[in-house]
């Protein structure tokens, strides 16, 4: 193995189907975040440049968990929360475990059904009135 191969990290998934669904929702509703994830963040992670903030360190297992905020529209973030990639690095095994993309509720819903948007922000099917109320309130407050 060349030295370059030694430093390459491999992606594994906690639940690949669930992760891919959320990834597709990000692609569908926030193309900028999806492009950043695919073309900037994933290649950097594979090279061993861990992005985001350290959420947890486990000395015994030699793992470090990270949270990486993706570009999120300001109004979307205020209504649903920041879009965040969660991953754990197994430093001795050169493995990156992609664990989740949050906020879960809206990304899960966005995969299952075509979500409506209200004033440019996607709204949930389970509680559209609450989301529209938040959007109207934030607009009245000037975001």
N, C-alpha and C. Protein backbone atom coordinates (compact mmCIF):
# COMPACT_ATOMS: atom_id res chain seq x y z
N UNK A 1 0.84 -1.19 0.00
CA UNK A 1 0.00 0.00 0.00
C UNK A 1 0.88 1.25 0.00
N UNK A 2 0.53 2.19 -0.85
CA UNK A 2 1.29 3.44 -0.86
C UNK A 2 0.91 4.28 0.35
N UNK A 3 1.76 5.22 0.66
CA UNK A 3 1.50 6.10 1.80
C UNK A 3 0.18 6.86 1.60
N UNK A 4 -0.11 7.24 0.35
CA UNK A 4 -1.34 7.96 0.07
C UNK A 4 -2.57 7.10 0.37
N UNK A 5 -2.50 5.81 0.06
CA UNK A 5 -3.60 4.90 0.33
C UNK A 5 -3.83 4.74 1.84
N UNK A 6 -2.74 4.78 2.59
CA UNK A 6 -2.84 4.61 4.04
C UNK A 6 -3.66 5.71 4.69
N UNK A 7 -3.61 6.90 4.14
CA UNK A 7 -4.29 8.04 4.76
C UNK A 7 -5.69 8.27 4.22
N UNK A 8 -6.18 7.40 3.36
CA UNK A 8 -7.52 7.55 2.82
C UNK A 8 -8.52 6.92 3.77
N UNK A 9 -9.59 7.65 4.04
CA UNK A 9 -10.62 7.14 4.93
C UNK A 9 -11.77 6.58 4.11
N UNK A 10 -12.37 5.53 4.63
CA UNK A 10 -13.47 4.86 3.96
C UNK A 10 -14.77 5.22 4.67
N UNK A 11 -15.84 5.47 3.90
CA UNK A 11 -17.15 5.75 4.49
C UNK A 11 -17.89 4.46 4.77
N UNK A 12 -18.46 4.39 5.94
CA UNK A 12 -19.41 3.34 6.28
C UNK A 12 -20.63 4.04 6.87
N UNK A 13 -21.73 3.31 7.01
CA UNK A 13 -22.98 3.92 7.44
C UNK A 13 -23.56 3.20 8.64
N UNK A 14 -24.13 3.98 9.54
CA UNK A 14 -24.86 3.41 10.67
C UNK A 14 -26.10 2.72 10.11
N UNK A 15 -26.82 3.40 9.21
CA UNK A 15 -28.00 2.85 8.52
C UNK A 15 -28.00 3.50 7.14
N UNK A 16 -27.43 2.79 6.16
CA UNK A 16 -27.22 3.40 4.84
C UNK A 16 -28.53 3.82 4.18
N UNK A 17 -29.58 3.00 4.27
CA UNK A 17 -30.85 3.36 3.64
C UNK A 17 -31.40 4.66 4.20
N UNK A 18 -31.41 4.76 5.53
CA UNK A 18 -31.92 5.95 6.19
C UNK A 18 -31.07 7.17 5.83
N UNK A 19 -29.75 7.00 5.84
CA UNK A 19 -28.84 8.10 5.53
C UNK A 19 -29.05 8.58 4.10
N UNK A 20 -29.16 7.64 3.15
CA UNK A 20 -29.35 8.00 1.74
C UNK A 20 -30.67 8.73 1.51
N UNK A 21 -31.71 8.33 2.24
CA UNK A 21 -33.01 9.02 2.13
C UNK A 21 -32.86 10.48 2.53
N UNK A 22 -32.16 10.70 3.65
CA UNK A 22 -31.98 12.07 4.13
C UNK A 22 -31.10 12.87 3.16
N UNK A 23 -30.09 12.20 2.61
CA UNK A 23 -29.22 12.84 1.63
C UNK A 23 -30.03 13.27 0.39
N UNK A 24 -30.95 12.41 -0.05
CA UNK A 24 -31.81 12.75 -1.20
C UNK A 24 -32.73 13.92 -0.86
N UNK A 25 -33.23 13.97 0.37
CA UNK A 25 -34.07 15.11 0.78
C UNK A 25 -33.27 16.40 0.75
N UNK A 26 -32.02 16.33 1.20
CA UNK A 26 -31.16 17.53 1.15
C UNK A 26 -30.99 17.95 -0.31
N UNK A 27 -30.74 16.97 -1.20
CA UNK A 27 -30.56 17.29 -2.62
C UNK A 27 -31.82 17.93 -3.19
N UNK A 28 -32.97 17.41 -2.80
CA UNK A 28 -34.23 17.89 -3.34
C UNK A 28 -34.58 19.30 -2.85
N UNK A 29 -34.30 19.57 -1.58
CA UNK A 29 -34.76 20.83 -0.98
C UNK A 29 -33.67 21.86 -0.74
N UNK A 30 -32.40 21.46 -0.85
CA UNK A 30 -31.31 22.42 -0.63
C UNK A 30 -30.10 22.00 -1.47
N UNK A 31 -30.14 22.34 -2.76
CA UNK A 31 -29.10 21.91 -3.70
C UNK A 31 -27.72 22.43 -3.29
N UNK A 32 -27.65 23.64 -2.75
CA UNK A 32 -26.36 24.19 -2.32
C UNK A 32 -25.72 23.30 -1.25
N UNK A 33 -26.49 22.92 -0.25
CA UNK A 33 -25.97 22.05 0.81
C UNK A 33 -25.54 20.70 0.24
N UNK A 34 -26.33 20.17 -0.69
CA UNK A 34 -26.01 18.87 -1.29
C UNK A 34 -24.71 18.94 -2.09
N UNK A 35 -24.56 20.00 -2.88
CA UNK A 35 -23.34 20.15 -3.68
C UNK A 35 -22.11 20.31 -2.79
N UNK A 36 -22.23 21.12 -1.73
CA UNK A 36 -21.12 21.31 -0.79
C UNK A 36 -20.74 19.96 -0.17
N UNK A 37 -21.76 19.21 0.25
CA UNK A 37 -21.54 17.91 0.88
C UNK A 37 -20.81 16.97 -0.08
N UNK A 38 -21.33 16.86 -1.29
CA UNK A 38 -20.80 15.90 -2.26
C UNK A 38 -19.45 16.29 -2.84
N UNK A 39 -19.30 17.56 -3.19
CA UNK A 39 -18.10 17.97 -3.94
C UNK A 39 -17.01 18.61 -3.08
N UNK A 40 -17.35 19.09 -1.87
CA UNK A 40 -16.35 19.70 -0.99
C UNK A 40 -16.09 18.86 0.26
N UNK A 41 -17.16 18.59 1.02
CA UNK A 41 -16.99 17.98 2.33
C UNK A 41 -16.58 16.51 2.26
N UNK A 42 -17.29 15.69 1.46
CA UNK A 42 -16.93 14.27 1.39
C UNK A 42 -15.48 14.05 0.95
N UNK A 43 -15.02 14.72 -0.12
CA UNK A 43 -13.60 14.52 -0.51
C UNK A 43 -12.62 14.93 0.59
N UNK A 44 -12.91 16.02 1.31
CA UNK A 44 -12.02 16.46 2.40
C UNK A 44 -12.00 15.42 3.53
N UNK A 45 -13.17 14.90 3.87
CA UNK A 45 -13.24 13.89 4.93
C UNK A 45 -12.45 12.65 4.54
N UNK A 46 -12.59 12.23 3.29
CA UNK A 46 -11.85 11.04 2.82
C UNK A 46 -10.34 11.25 2.94
N UNK A 47 -9.89 12.49 2.77
CA UNK A 47 -8.45 12.80 2.89
C UNK A 47 -8.00 12.88 4.33
N UNK A 48 -8.95 12.85 5.27
CA UNK A 48 -8.58 12.95 6.69
C UNK A 48 -8.66 14.36 7.24
N UNK A 49 -9.27 15.27 6.48
CA UNK A 49 -9.50 16.64 6.97
C UNK A 49 -10.89 16.68 7.58
N UNK A 50 -10.97 16.50 8.89
CA UNK A 50 -12.26 16.39 9.55
C UNK A 50 -12.84 17.76 9.80
N UNK A 51 -14.02 17.99 9.25
CA UNK A 51 -14.67 19.29 9.28
C UNK A 51 -15.76 19.31 10.34
N UNK A 52 -16.09 20.50 10.80
CA UNK A 52 -17.15 20.65 11.79
C UNK A 52 -16.58 20.76 13.19
N UNK A 53 -17.45 20.59 14.16
CA UNK A 53 -17.03 20.69 15.56
C UNK A 53 -17.04 19.30 16.20
N UNK A 54 -16.11 19.10 17.13
CA UNK A 54 -16.04 17.82 17.84
C UNK A 54 -17.22 17.77 18.81
N UNK A 55 -18.04 16.72 18.67
CA UNK A 55 -19.19 16.55 19.55
C UNK A 55 -18.86 15.62 20.71
N UNK A 56 -17.92 14.67 20.46
CA UNK A 56 -17.59 13.69 21.49
C UNK A 56 -16.27 13.01 21.14
N UNK A 57 -15.48 12.73 22.17
CA UNK A 57 -14.24 11.95 22.00
C UNK A 57 -14.32 10.74 22.90
N UNK A 58 -13.94 9.57 22.36
CA UNK A 58 -13.91 8.37 23.16
C UNK A 58 -12.50 7.80 23.08
N UNK A 59 -11.73 8.04 24.13
CA UNK A 59 -10.32 7.61 24.15
C UNK A 59 -10.20 6.09 24.06
N UNK A 60 -11.09 5.38 24.77
CA UNK A 60 -11.02 3.92 24.82
C UNK A 60 -11.21 3.31 23.42
N UNK A 61 -12.24 3.75 22.71
CA UNK A 61 -12.53 3.22 21.36
C UNK A 61 -11.73 3.93 20.27
N UNK A 62 -11.01 4.99 20.65
CA UNK A 62 -10.27 5.82 19.70
C UNK A 62 -11.17 6.34 18.58
N UNK A 63 -12.30 6.96 19.00
CA UNK A 63 -13.23 7.55 18.06
C UNK A 63 -13.45 9.02 18.41
N UNK A 64 -13.76 9.79 17.38
CA UNK A 64 -14.11 11.20 17.56
C UNK A 64 -15.37 11.44 16.74
N UNK A 65 -16.40 11.99 17.38
CA UNK A 65 -17.65 12.30 16.69
C UNK A 65 -17.68 13.79 16.35
N UNK A 66 -18.15 14.08 15.15
CA UNK A 66 -18.21 15.46 14.67
C UNK A 66 -19.62 15.82 14.24
N UNK A 67 -19.89 17.13 14.25
CA UNK A 67 -21.11 17.68 13.69
C UNK A 67 -20.69 18.78 12.72
N UNK A 68 -21.12 18.64 11.47
CA UNK A 68 -20.76 19.60 10.43
C UNK A 68 -22.02 20.27 9.91
N UNK A 69 -22.15 21.57 10.16
CA UNK A 69 -23.31 22.32 9.66
C UNK A 69 -23.16 22.53 8.16
N UNK A 70 -24.23 22.23 7.43
CA UNK A 70 -24.26 22.44 5.98
C UNK A 70 -24.89 23.80 5.71
N UNK A 71 -24.63 24.38 4.54
CA UNK A 71 -25.27 25.66 4.23
C UNK A 71 -26.78 25.51 4.33
N UNK A 72 -27.40 26.32 5.17
CA UNK A 72 -28.84 26.23 5.40
C UNK A 72 -29.44 27.61 5.24
N UNK A 73 -30.52 27.70 4.49
CA UNK A 73 -31.25 28.95 4.35
C UNK A 73 -31.65 29.45 5.74
N UNK A 74 -31.48 30.74 5.98
CA UNK A 74 -31.71 31.30 7.31
C UNK A 74 -33.12 31.04 7.83
N UNK A 75 -34.11 31.22 6.97
CA UNK A 75 -35.50 31.02 7.40
C UNK A 75 -35.76 29.53 7.67
N UNK A 76 -35.23 28.65 6.83
CA UNK A 76 -35.36 27.19 7.06
C UNK A 76 -34.76 26.84 8.41
N UNK A 77 -33.57 27.38 8.69
CA UNK A 77 -32.88 27.08 9.96
C UNK A 77 -33.71 27.52 11.15
N UNK A 78 -34.37 28.68 11.03
CA UNK A 78 -35.17 29.18 12.16
C UNK A 78 -36.44 28.36 12.35
N UNK A 79 -36.98 27.81 11.26
CA UNK A 79 -38.21 27.02 11.36
C UNK A 79 -37.91 25.57 11.75
N UNK A 80 -36.92 24.96 11.11
CA UNK A 80 -36.67 23.52 11.31
C UNK A 80 -35.35 23.22 12.02
N UNK A 81 -34.40 24.14 11.99
CA UNK A 81 -33.07 23.89 12.54
C UNK A 81 -32.04 23.80 11.43
N UNK A 82 -30.77 23.89 11.80
CA UNK A 82 -29.67 23.80 10.84
C UNK A 82 -29.60 22.39 10.26
N UNK A 83 -29.21 22.29 8.98
CA UNK A 83 -28.96 20.98 8.39
C UNK A 83 -27.54 20.59 8.80
N UNK A 84 -27.40 19.45 9.47
CA UNK A 84 -26.13 19.05 10.06
C UNK A 84 -25.80 17.60 9.71
N UNK A 85 -24.56 17.39 9.27
CA UNK A 85 -24.04 16.03 9.04
C UNK A 85 -23.38 15.57 10.34
N UNK A 86 -23.75 14.37 10.79
CA UNK A 86 -23.16 13.78 11.99
C UNK A 86 -22.31 12.58 11.56
N UNK A 87 -21.06 12.54 12.01
CA UNK A 87 -20.20 11.42 11.65
C UNK A 87 -19.19 11.12 12.75
N UNK A 88 -18.72 9.87 12.76
CA UNK A 88 -17.74 9.43 13.76
C UNK A 88 -16.52 8.89 13.03
N UNK A 89 -15.35 9.32 13.48
CA UNK A 89 -14.09 8.88 12.88
C UNK A 89 -13.46 7.81 13.78
N UNK A 90 -13.17 6.67 13.16
CA UNK A 90 -12.42 5.60 13.85
C UNK A 90 -10.97 5.79 13.42
N UNK A 91 -10.20 6.51 14.24
CA UNK A 91 -8.88 6.98 13.85
C UNK A 91 -7.90 5.86 13.52
N UNK A 92 -7.96 4.75 14.24
CA UNK A 92 -7.00 3.67 13.99
C UNK A 92 -7.40 2.78 12.81
N UNK A 93 -8.67 2.84 12.41
CA UNK A 93 -9.15 1.97 11.34
C UNK A 93 -9.34 2.71 10.02
N UNK A 94 -9.11 4.02 10.02
CA UNK A 94 -9.33 4.86 8.83
C UNK A 94 -10.75 4.70 8.28
N UNK A 95 -11.71 4.70 9.20
CA UNK A 95 -13.12 4.58 8.82
C UNK A 95 -13.86 5.82 9.33
N UNK A 96 -14.74 6.33 8.48
CA UNK A 96 -15.66 7.40 8.88
C UNK A 96 -17.05 6.79 8.83
N UNK A 97 -17.71 6.77 9.98
CA UNK A 97 -19.07 6.25 10.06
C UNK A 97 -20.02 7.43 9.91
N UNK A 98 -20.74 7.47 8.79
CA UNK A 98 -21.73 8.53 8.57
C UNK A 98 -22.99 8.11 9.33
N UNK A 99 -23.32 8.85 10.38
CA UNK A 99 -24.38 8.40 11.27
C UNK A 99 -25.73 9.04 11.00
N UNK A 100 -25.77 10.33 10.63
CA UNK A 100 -27.07 10.97 10.49
C UNK A 100 -26.96 12.32 9.78
N UNK A 101 -28.08 12.77 9.26
CA UNK A 101 -28.24 14.15 8.80
C UNK A 101 -29.49 14.66 9.49
N UNK A 102 -29.36 15.78 10.19
CA UNK A 102 -30.50 16.34 10.91
C UNK A 102 -30.81 17.73 10.35
N UNK A 103 -32.01 18.27 10.54
CA UNK A 103 -33.12 17.83 11.39
C UNK A 103 -33.86 16.63 10.77
N UNK A 104 -34.07 15.61 11.58
CA UNK A 104 -34.61 14.35 11.08
C UNK A 104 -36.04 14.45 10.57
N UNK A 105 -36.92 15.01 11.36
CA UNK A 105 -38.35 15.01 11.01
C UNK A 105 -38.62 15.52 9.61
N UNK A 106 -38.15 16.71 9.32
CA UNK A 106 -38.46 17.33 8.02
C UNK A 106 -37.72 16.61 6.89
N UNK A 107 -36.52 16.09 7.12
CA UNK A 107 -35.80 15.38 6.07
C UNK A 107 -36.44 14.02 5.79
N UNK A 108 -36.93 13.35 6.85
CA UNK A 108 -37.65 12.08 6.64
C UNK A 108 -38.93 12.33 5.86
N UNK A 109 -39.68 13.35 6.28
CA UNK A 109 -40.93 13.68 5.62
C UNK A 109 -40.69 14.08 4.17
N UNK A 110 -39.63 14.85 3.95
CA UNK A 110 -39.30 15.33 2.61
C UNK A 110 -38.99 14.20 1.66
N UNK A 111 -38.50 13.09 2.20
CA UNK A 111 -38.22 11.94 1.35
C UNK A 111 -39.50 11.20 1.00
N UNK A 112 -40.39 11.05 1.98
CA UNK A 112 -41.61 10.25 1.79
C UNK A 112 -42.61 10.91 0.86
N UNK A 113 -42.70 12.22 0.91
CA UNK A 113 -43.73 12.91 0.14
C UNK A 113 -43.20 14.24 -0.36
N UNK A 114 -43.79 14.74 -1.41
CA UNK A 114 -43.43 16.05 -1.93
C UNK A 114 -43.97 17.08 -0.94
N UNK A 115 -43.09 17.83 -0.32
CA UNK A 115 -43.54 18.82 0.67
C UNK A 115 -43.91 20.13 -0.01
N UNK A 116 -44.86 20.79 0.57
CA UNK A 116 -45.24 22.11 0.09
C UNK A 116 -44.24 23.13 0.62
N UNK A 117 -44.19 24.26 -0.06
CA UNK A 117 -43.39 25.35 0.49
C UNK A 117 -44.34 26.52 0.76
N UNK A 118 -43.96 27.31 1.71
CA UNK A 118 -44.73 28.50 2.07
C UNK A 118 -43.72 29.63 2.20
N UNK A 119 -43.88 30.64 1.36
CA UNK A 119 -42.94 31.77 1.34
C UNK A 119 -41.50 31.30 1.19
N UNK A 120 -41.30 30.25 0.37
CA UNK A 120 -39.95 29.78 0.06
C UNK A 120 -39.34 28.80 1.03
N UNK A 121 -40.09 28.39 2.07
CA UNK A 121 -39.56 27.44 3.04
C UNK A 121 -40.45 26.20 3.02
N UNK A 122 -39.81 25.00 2.99
CA UNK A 122 -40.65 23.81 2.99
C UNK A 122 -41.33 23.67 4.34
N UNK A 123 -42.57 23.16 4.28
CA UNK A 123 -43.34 22.99 5.51
C UNK A 123 -43.73 21.53 5.65
N UNK A 124 -43.83 21.09 6.88
CA UNK A 124 -44.14 19.69 7.16
C UNK A 124 -45.61 19.41 6.88
N UNK A 125 -45.90 18.16 6.55
CA UNK A 125 -47.29 17.74 6.37
C UNK A 125 -47.94 17.49 7.72
N UNK A 126 -47.14 17.10 8.72
CA UNK A 126 -47.71 16.76 10.02
C UNK A 126 -48.15 17.99 10.80
N UNK A 127 -47.48 19.13 10.59
CA UNK A 127 -47.85 20.32 11.35
C UNK A 127 -47.67 21.58 10.51
N UNK A 128 -48.37 21.68 9.37
CA UNK A 128 -48.14 22.84 8.49
C UNK A 128 -48.52 24.17 9.12
N UNK A 129 -49.58 24.17 9.97
CA UNK A 129 -50.02 25.44 10.58
C UNK A 129 -48.92 26.01 11.47
N UNK A 130 -48.27 25.13 12.23
CA UNK A 130 -47.21 25.57 13.13
C UNK A 130 -46.04 26.16 12.32
N UNK A 131 -45.66 25.48 11.23
CA UNK A 131 -44.56 25.97 10.39
C UNK A 131 -44.92 27.31 9.76
N UNK A 132 -46.16 27.42 9.22
CA UNK A 132 -46.58 28.69 8.59
C UNK A 132 -46.63 29.81 9.62
N UNK A 133 -47.09 29.50 10.84
CA UNK A 133 -47.11 30.49 11.90
C UNK A 133 -45.69 31.00 12.19
N UNK A 134 -44.73 30.06 12.32
CA UNK A 134 -43.34 30.44 12.57
C UNK A 134 -42.80 31.33 11.45
N UNK A 135 -43.08 30.93 10.20
CA UNK A 135 -42.59 31.70 9.04
C UNK A 135 -43.17 33.10 9.06
N UNK A 136 -44.50 33.21 9.29
CA UNK A 136 -45.14 34.53 9.33
C UNK A 136 -44.59 35.38 10.48
N UNK A 137 -44.41 34.75 11.63
CA UNK A 137 -43.86 35.47 12.79
C UNK A 137 -42.44 35.98 12.50
N UNK A 138 -41.61 35.09 11.96
CA UNK A 138 -40.23 35.51 11.63
C UNK A 138 -40.21 36.61 10.58
N UNK A 139 -41.10 36.53 9.60
CA UNK A 139 -41.17 37.59 8.59
C UNK A 139 -41.61 38.91 9.22
N UNK A 140 -42.60 38.85 10.14
CA UNK A 140 -43.05 40.08 10.82
C UNK A 140 -41.94 40.67 11.68
N UNK A 141 -41.14 39.81 12.29
CA UNK A 141 -40.05 40.27 13.15
C UNK A 141 -38.83 40.70 12.31
N UNK A 142 -38.95 40.53 11.00
CA UNK A 142 -37.83 40.89 10.13
C UNK A 142 -36.74 39.84 10.13
N UNK A 143 -37.11 38.58 10.37
CA UNK A 143 -36.19 37.44 10.44
C UNK A 143 -35.15 37.70 11.51
